[in-house]
Protein backbone atom coordinates (compact mmCIF):
# COMPACT_ATOMS: atom_id res chain seq x y z
CA UNK A 1 -6.18 37.60 105.31
CA UNK A 2 -5.19 36.30 101.85
CA UNK A 3 -1.62 36.89 100.56
CA UNK A 4 -0.43 36.73 96.99
CA UNK A 5 2.80 36.76 95.03
CA UNK A 6 3.17 39.73 92.62
CA UNK A 7 5.47 39.66 89.61
CA UNK A 8 6.20 42.17 86.83
CA UNK A 9 6.28 39.69 83.92
CA UNK A 10 7.48 42.39 81.49
CA UNK A 11 10.79 42.73 83.47
CA UNK A 12 10.84 39.16 85.00
CA UNK A 13 11.10 40.78 88.49
CA UNK A 14 9.22 39.94 91.68
CA UNK A 15 7.45 42.84 93.43
CA UNK A 16 6.33 40.93 96.49
CA UNK A 17 5.81 37.49 97.91
CA UNK A 18 3.66 38.42 100.90
CA UNK A 19 1.30 40.98 99.47
CA UNK A 20 -2.08 41.30 101.17
CA UNK A 21 -5.06 41.10 98.82
CA UNK A 22 -7.60 43.72 99.81
CA UNK A 23 -10.60 42.73 97.69
CA UNK A 24 -13.47 43.58 99.91
CA UNK A 25 -14.65 46.63 101.78
CA UNK A 26 -12.89 46.57 105.12
CA UNK A 27 -9.38 45.76 103.98
CA UNK A 28 -9.69 48.32 101.17
CA UNK A 29 -10.93 50.97 103.67
CA UNK A 30 -8.12 50.37 106.14
CA UNK A 31 -5.35 49.83 103.53
CA UNK A 32 -1.92 50.29 105.23
CA UNK A 33 -3.23 52.78 107.86
CA UNK A 34 -2.02 51.90 111.39
CA UNK A 35 0.11 48.98 110.08
CA UNK A 36 3.86 48.87 110.66
CA UNK A 37 6.15 49.96 107.76
CA UNK A 38 6.02 47.41 105.01
CA UNK A 39 9.27 45.56 104.30
CA UNK A 40 10.69 44.24 101.03
CA UNK A 41 8.49 41.36 99.83
CA UNK A 42 5.38 42.87 101.50
CA UNK A 43 2.62 45.07 100.10
CA UNK A 44 -0.99 45.57 99.52
CA UNK A 45 -3.04 44.83 96.28
CA UNK A 46 -6.32 46.75 96.36
CA UNK A 47 -9.10 45.53 94.13
CA UNK A 48 -11.00 47.53 92.82
CA UNK A 49 -9.06 50.85 93.03
CA UNK A 50 -8.66 53.91 90.88
CA UNK A 51 -6.59 56.02 93.25
CA UNK A 52 -5.14 56.08 96.74
CA UNK A 53 -4.54 58.52 99.59
CA UNK A 54 -1.85 58.59 102.20
CA UNK A 55 -3.90 60.27 104.95
CA UNK A 56 -2.91 59.01 108.37
CA UNK A 57 0.11 57.21 106.96
CA UNK A 58 3.51 57.61 108.62
CA UNK A 59 5.85 56.45 105.85
CA UNK A 60 6.13 56.77 102.02
CA UNK A 61 5.31 53.96 99.60
CA UNK A 62 5.39 53.23 95.84
CA UNK A 63 2.03 52.77 94.14
CA UNK A 64 1.36 51.20 90.77
CA UNK A 65 -2.16 51.52 89.27
CA UNK A 66 -3.17 48.80 86.77
CA UNK A 67 -6.08 48.16 84.40
CA UNK A 68 -8.09 45.04 84.54
CA UNK A 69 -5.45 43.17 82.43
CA UNK A 70 -2.66 44.01 84.87
CA UNK A 71 -1.06 46.72 82.63
CA UNK A 72 0.50 49.56 84.62
CA UNK A 73 -1.40 52.75 83.72
CA UNK A 74 0.16 55.08 86.36
CA UNK A 75 2.88 55.02 88.99
CA UNK A 76 3.72 57.11 91.98
CA UNK A 77 7.22 56.57 93.46
CA UNK A 78 7.80 57.43 97.11
CA UNK A 79 4.26 58.79 97.66
CA UNK A 80 4.58 60.79 100.87
CA UNK A 81 2.29 60.71 103.94
CA UNK A 82 -0.65 63.00 103.50
CA UNK A 83 -0.39 62.95 99.68
CA UNK A 84 -2.77 61.22 97.25
CA UNK A 85 -2.73 60.09 93.73
CA UNK A 86 -4.99 61.34 90.91
CA UNK A 87 -8.16 59.32 90.14
CA UNK A 88 -7.44 57.08 87.10
CA UNK A 89 -10.56 56.01 85.19
CA UNK A 90 -8.63 53.28 83.39
CA UNK A 91 -7.24 51.77 86.62
CA UNK A 92 -8.89 48.78 88.39
CA UNK A 93 -6.08 47.58 90.75
CA UNK A 94 -3.54 49.39 92.96
CA UNK A 95 -0.36 47.77 94.24
CA UNK A 96 1.26 49.42 97.24
CA UNK A 97 4.91 48.36 97.93
CA UNK A 98 7.79 49.72 99.95
CA UNK A 99 9.27 53.03 98.66
CA UNK A 100 11.96 52.30 96.08
CA UNK A 101 10.68 48.94 94.92
CA UNK A 102 9.30 50.20 91.59
CA UNK A 103 12.69 51.79 90.76
CA UNK A 104 14.58 48.60 91.99
CA UNK A 105 12.51 46.38 89.68
CA UNK A 106 12.62 48.87 86.85
CA UNK A 107 8.80 48.84 86.70
CA UNK A 108 7.25 51.38 84.35
CA UNK A 109 3.98 52.41 82.75
CA UNK A 110 2.98 49.79 80.26
CA UNK A 111 4.51 46.85 82.17
CA UNK A 112 2.32 43.77 82.95
CA UNK A 113 1.83 42.76 86.51
CA UNK A 114 0.40 39.41 87.55
CA UNK A 115 -0.43 37.96 90.91
CA UNK A 116 -1.55 34.69 92.31
CA UNK A 117 -1.46 32.52 95.35
CA UNK A 118 1.93 31.64 96.85
């Protein structure tokens, strides 16, 4: 399982240092379902992705949807178990982080998110 470091370069803030990269079918399908609650520094980067659901989840998370260039096109703070996002045609990536992380890092629509190997 590949892990990446994710940074909001618009704010100079780190969103995660141990973010799982889900860039093929099985990790994208499973997502965070049946995983323990993610802690600060952890998360999931889903590629490609235009929307997420929280079915079978037991805890809320923050979700940032980004276009191919890493620009945030939509955000969902504290997305509750059982909820889902809208489908965003301009999105290509989804970042799932612990609830509160997007507010803590002042991340907003239009910010640029980059990721790479630790």
